C-alpha cells in the first residue's frame, strides 16, 4: 500500500533506450531467442470501495497479487503492445469484471492504468506517460495529477505551487489526468478544494530529474481515515540525459 510519504520506485525511465530496457524474449522453433518490442505499464487501484482488484490486459493479469485500495504495481510492467482491453476484476467476487476499456499501446512507450470510481460505478483510465518529451537540461522535476476523488459532482480546484510560482491552477473533472509540469526541485505545495466538501492540502519534496504522479483520492463525505479525501504521490522514475531534449 502507498505510504503517505514518497516511495522510491526501482524503474529508471530511459526512453531513448526503451527497446533495450523493455524487451521480452520469445523462443522460436530453433530454441533461439527473438527480442520482441514491449511497452511499460504501471497500474493503480484508486477505487475506495474496492479492496481486492486484479488488473489485466485482454484477460492476462499484470498484477501478481490483488491490489488493495491505493495500492499499485510498484513499477512499470512489461506488456505486449497493440490494441488491448485494459480490465479490472473484483478478486473477492470470483474475479468478476468491474471495468474495461480498449487502448492501443505502442511499442517502447510507457503508460499508467488507473481504476477509479465508487459504489458500483467504475472505469479504467489509461494515460500515456510521455517521458520522451521531458527535458533534463533545465534541472527540473516533473509533476502531474489524477483526480480520482469519487463522487465528484463538480470540478474541484487543484493548485500546485513550487518556489513561489504557480504551476497548476485549474478545475479538474473526475478521472482527468494532467500533463507533466516542470517544477523547481524542493518543496511543492498541492491543494484540492471544492466548497465545504473538499479541502485538502499537503507539501511534498521533489528531486531534480525525477518524475512524480500526484494521486487525489477518497470520498468527499467519508469520515473514516481510509476513505477521506487525501493527497498521495508516487515517483514514476528518473529521467536521464538520453531521455531529454
Protein backbone atom coordinates (compact mmCIF):
# COMPACT_ATOMS: atom_id res chain seq x y z
CA UNK A 1 0.00 0.00 0.00
CA UNK A 2 1.18 3.51 -0.72
CA UNK A 3 2.51 5.27 2.34
CA UNK A 4 1.85 8.94 2.99
CA UNK A 5 5.49 9.66 2.26
CA UNK A 6 7.35 9.20 -1.01
CA UNK A 7 8.27 5.68 -2.05
CA UNK A 8 11.15 5.34 -4.45
CA UNK A 9 10.44 3.13 -7.44
CA UNK A 10 13.10 0.94 -8.97
CA UNK A 11 12.11 1.79 -12.52
CA UNK A 12 14.59 4.06 -14.32
CA UNK A 13 13.00 5.65 -17.33
CA UNK A 14 15.41 5.77 -20.26
CA UNK A 15 13.15 6.33 -23.21
CA UNK A 16 15.93 6.60 -25.76
CA UNK A 17 16.95 3.02 -24.94
CA UNK A 18 13.49 1.71 -24.21
CA UNK A 19 13.93 -1.01 -26.80
CA UNK A 20 16.71 -2.44 -24.60
CA UNK A 21 15.03 -1.90 -21.25
CA UNK A 22 11.57 -3.06 -22.29
CA UNK A 23 12.31 -6.24 -24.16
CA UNK A 24 10.71 -9.65 -23.83
CA UNK A 25 12.10 -12.77 -25.44
CA UNK A 26 10.08 -15.34 -27.34
CA UNK A 27 11.62 -18.66 -28.30
CA UNK A 28 11.31 -19.82 -31.88
CA UNK A 29 11.35 -23.42 -33.11
CA UNK A 30 15.17 -23.39 -33.21
CA UNK A 31 15.36 -22.56 -29.49
CA UNK A 32 16.83 -19.16 -30.33
CA UNK A 33 15.56 -16.05 -28.62
CA UNK A 34 13.99 -13.30 -30.66
CA UNK A 35 13.65 -9.88 -28.98
CA UNK A 36 10.06 -8.70 -29.04
CA UNK A 37 9.27 -4.98 -28.52
CA UNK A 38 7.11 -4.32 -25.49
CA UNK A 39 5.62 -1.32 -23.65
CA UNK A 40 5.67 -0.43 -19.96
CA UNK A 41 2.54 -0.22 -17.79
CA UNK A 42 2.06 0.86 -14.17
CA UNK A 43 -1.34 0.04 -12.60
CA UNK A 44 -3.24 1.64 -9.69
CA UNK A 45 -6.35 0.78 -7.68
CA UNK A 46 -7.91 4.14 -6.77
CA UNK A 47 -11.48 2.91 -6.15
CA UNK A 48 -12.17 3.46 -2.41
CA UNK A 49 -14.64 0.57 -2.00
CA UNK A 50 -12.59 -1.99 -3.94
CA UNK A 51 -10.18 -3.73 -1.59
CA UNK A 52 -9.03 -6.57 -3.83
CA UNK A 53 -8.53 -5.78 -7.52
CA UNK A 54 -6.79 -7.69 -10.28
CA UNK A 55 -5.69 -5.59 -13.27
CA UNK A 56 -5.36 -7.33 -16.61
CA UNK A 57 -4.82 -6.77 -20.32
CA UNK A 58 -7.07 -8.84 -22.59
CA UNK A 59 -7.51 -11.40 -19.82
CA UNK A 60 -3.83 -11.63 -18.80
CA UNK A 61 -3.18 -10.32 -15.28
CA UNK A 62 -0.45 -7.72 -14.81
CA UNK A 63 -0.59 -7.97 -11.01
CA UNK A 64 0.88 -10.95 -9.18
CA UNK A 65 -1.45 -10.38 -6.23
CA UNK A 66 -4.73 -8.41 -5.92
CA UNK A 67 -4.31 -4.69 -5.25
CA UNK A 68 -5.92 -3.06 -2.23
CA UNK A 69 -7.25 0.49 -2.36
CA UNK A 70 -4.39 2.97 -3.12
CA UNK A 71 -2.07 0.07 -3.97
CA UNK A 72 -0.18 -0.08 -7.27
CA UNK A 73 2.11 -2.37 -9.21
CA UNK A 74 5.24 -0.84 -7.72
CA UNK A 75 6.81 -0.08 -11.08
CA UNK A 76 6.32 -0.45 -14.81
CA UNK A 77 5.46 -3.94 -16.00
CA UNK A 78 6.46 -5.23 -19.43
CA UNK A 79 3.40 -5.68 -21.65
CA UNK A 80 2.87 -6.64 -25.28
CA UNK A 81 1.81 -3.62 -27.38
CA UNK A 82 -1.20 -3.29 -29.66
CA UNK A 83 -4.93 -2.85 -29.18
CA UNK A 84 -5.67 -4.37 -25.77
CA UNK A 85 -8.58 -4.33 -23.34
CA UNK A 86 -7.50 -2.85 -20.01
CA UNK A 87 -9.57 -4.69 -17.41
CA UNK A 88 -10.21 -4.61 -13.66
CA UNK A 89 -11.63 -7.58 -11.75
CA UNK A 90 -13.00 -7.95 -8.23
CA UNK A 91 -10.93 -10.81 -6.85
CA UNK A 92 -13.15 -11.36 -3.80
CA UNK A 93 -16.21 -11.69 -6.02
CA UNK A 94 -14.77 -14.51 -8.07
CA UNK A 95 -12.84 -12.28 -10.45
CA UNK A 96 -15.97 -10.55 -11.69
CA UNK A 97 -15.26 -7.85 -14.29
CA UNK A 98 -15.94 -4.34 -12.96
CA UNK A 99 -14.35 -2.13 -15.63
CA UNK A 100 -12.90 -2.46 -19.12
CA UNK A 101 -11.65 -0.09 -21.78
CA UNK A 102 -9.79 -0.53 -25.06
CA UNK A 103 -6.46 1.17 -25.71
CA UNK A 104 -3.69 1.00 -28.29
CA UNK A 105 -0.34 0.56 -26.52
CA UNK A 106 2.68 1.50 -28.65
CA UNK A 107 6.00 -0.35 -28.51
CA UNK A 108 8.67 1.28 -26.35
CA UNK A 109 6.21 3.66 -24.66
CA UNK A 110 5.16 3.95 -21.02
CA UNK A 111 1.59 4.08 -19.69
CA UNK A 112 -0.38 4.22 -16.44
CA UNK A 113 -3.67 2.43 -15.79
CA UNK A 114 -5.98 3.69 -13.04
CA UNK A 115 -9.14 2.04 -11.71
CA UNK A 116 -11.36 4.88 -10.45
CA UNK A 117 -14.94 5.15 -9.26
CA UNK A 118 -17.16 4.19 -6.35
CA UNK A 119 -20.39 2.42 -5.42
CA UNK A 120 -20.71 0.14 -8.48
CA UNK A 121 -19.73 2.83 -10.97
CA UNK A 122 -16.16 2.29 -12.14
CA UNK A 123 -13.95 2.99 -15.11
CA UNK A 124 -10.40 2.37 -16.23
CA UNK A 125 -8.32 5.38 -17.24
CA UNK A 126 -5.16 4.96 -19.30
CA UNK A 127 -2.61 7.76 -19.58
CA UNK A 128 0.37 7.96 -21.92
CA UNK A 129 3.45 8.76 -19.82
CA UNK A 130 5.34 10.83 -22.37
CA UNK A 131 8.76 10.85 -20.74
CA UNK A 132 10.46 11.27 -24.11
CA UNK A 133 9.12 14.85 -24.30
CA UNK A 134 10.51 15.92 -20.91
CA UNK A 135 13.79 17.84 -20.91
CA UNK A 136 16.61 17.17 -18.46
CA UNK A 137 18.74 20.21 -19.33
CA UNK A 138 16.87 22.57 -17.00
CA UNK A 139 17.42 20.53 -13.86
CA UNK A 140 13.70 20.42 -13.07
CA UNK A 141 11.46 17.78 -11.56
CA UNK A 142 8.12 16.93 -13.20
CA UNK A 143 4.73 16.60 -11.55
CA UNK A 144 1.23 15.69 -12.76
CA UNK A 145 -2.01 14.64 -11.03
CA UNK A 146 -5.05 12.42 -11.49
CA UNK A 147 -8.37 13.43 -9.95
CA UNK A 148 -9.70 10.11 -8.63
CA UNK A 149 -11.86 11.68 -5.91
CA UNK A 150 -15.02 9.57 -6.06
CA UNK A 151 -18.48 11.09 -6.45
CA UNK A 152 -17.02 14.35 -7.72
CA UNK A 153 -20.14 16.24 -8.76
CA UNK A 154 -18.43 19.47 -9.68
CA UNK A 155 -14.85 20.18 -10.70
CA UNK A 156 -12.64 20.80 -7.66
CA UNK A 157 -9.89 23.38 -7.92
CA UNK A 158 -6.40 21.92 -8.00
CA UNK A 159 -3.39 24.12 -7.28
CA UNK A 160 0.30 23.19 -7.34
CA UNK A 161 2.92 25.73 -6.26
CA UNK A 162 6.70 25.45 -6.24
CA UNK A 163 9.41 28.02 -5.41
CA UNK A 164 6.77 30.73 -5.11
CA UNK A 165 5.42 30.10 -8.62
CA UNK A 166 2.00 28.78 -9.56
CA UNK A 167 2.47 25.63 -11.62
CA UNK A 168 -1.15 24.44 -11.76
CA UNK A 169 -4.32 26.41 -11.01
CA UNK A 170 -7.31 24.78 -12.65
CA UNK A 171 -10.56 22.91 -12.14
CA UNK A 172 -10.26 19.16 -12.60
CA UNK A 173 -13.05 16.93 -13.82
CA UNK A 174 -13.37 13.45 -12.36
CA UNK A 175 -10.87 10.92 -13.78
CA UNK A 176 -8.85 13.62 -15.55
CA UNK A 177 -5.06 13.22 -15.76
CA UNK A 178 -3.00 16.37 -16.19
CA UNK A 179 0.12 16.80 -18.29
CA UNK A 180 3.52 16.68 -16.62
CA UNK A 181 4.65 20.13 -15.46
CA UNK A 182 8.22 21.21 -14.77
CA UNK A 183 8.81 22.32 -11.17
CA UNK A 184 11.84 23.56 -9.27
CA UNK A 185 13.27 20.78 -7.07
CA UNK A 186 12.40 21.17 -3.40
CA UNK A 187 9.08 21.62 -1.67
CA UNK A 188 5.90 21.53 -3.76
CA UNK A 189 2.55 22.55 -2.27
CA UNK A 190 -0.59 20.80 -3.52
CA UNK A 191 -4.21 21.62 -2.68
CA UNK A 192 -7.61 20.42 -3.87
CA UNK A 193 -10.76 22.33 -2.89
CA UNK A 194 -14.47 22.33 -3.68
CA UNK A 195 -16.64 24.27 -1.26
CA UNK A 196 -17.02 22.64 2.14
CA UNK A 197 -16.96 19.11 0.74
CA UNK A 198 -13.30 19.00 -0.32
CA UNK A 199 -10.49 20.98 1.31
CA UNK A 200 -7.21 19.08 1.48
CA UNK A 201 -3.60 20.12 1.07
CA UNK A 202 -0.08 18.85 1.65
CA UNK A 203 3.52 19.63 0.81
CA UNK A 204 5.86 17.11 -0.79
CA UNK A 205 9.55 17.21 -1.66
CA UNK A 206 10.70 16.51 -5.23
CA UNK A 207 14.15 15.93 -6.68
CA UNK A 208 15.95 17.00 -9.83
CA UNK A 209 15.12 15.00 -12.99
CA UNK A 210 12.60 12.82 -11.16
CA UNK A 211 9.01 12.34 -12.32
CA UNK A 212 6.01 12.17 -9.98
CA UNK A 213 2.29 11.46 -10.16
CA UNK A 214 0.03 13.03 -7.52
CA UNK A 215 -3.00 10.89 -6.62
CA UNK A 216 -6.08 12.81 -5.49
CA UNK A 217 -8.24 10.12 -3.92
CA UNK A 218 -11.06 9.40 -1.47
CA UNK A 219 -14.76 10.13 -0.96
CA UNK A 220 -15.86 13.68 -0.04
CA UNK A 221 -18.45 12.55 2.53
CA UNK A 222 -16.29 9.87 4.15
CA UNK A 223 -15.48 10.12 7.85
CA UNK A 224 -13.04 7.22 8.17
CA UNK A 225 -9.35 7.94 7.64
CA UNK A 226 -9.01 5.26 4.97
CA UNK A 227 -11.64 6.83 2.70
CA UNK A 228 -11.30 10.55 3.40
CA UNK A 229 -10.11 12.77 0.58
CA UNK A 230 -6.33 12.65 0.59
CA UNK A 231 -3.29 13.56 -1.48
CA UNK A 232 -0.77 10.81 -2.19
CA UNK A 233 2.00 10.55 -4.72
CA UNK A 234 4.42 8.12 -6.34
CA UNK A 235 7.78 8.56 -8.01
CA UNK A 236 7.50 7.20 -11.54
CA UNK A 237 11.25 7.16 -12.07
CA UNK A 238 14.30 9.22 -13.02
CA UNK A 239 14.96 10.83 -16.37
CA UNK A 240 18.41 10.55 -17.89
CA UNK A 241 20.12 12.91 -20.30
CA UNK A 242 19.32 10.49 -23.14
CA UNK A 243 15.61 10.82 -22.42
CA UNK A 244 15.51 14.60 -22.51
CA UNK A 245 15.75 17.22 -25.19
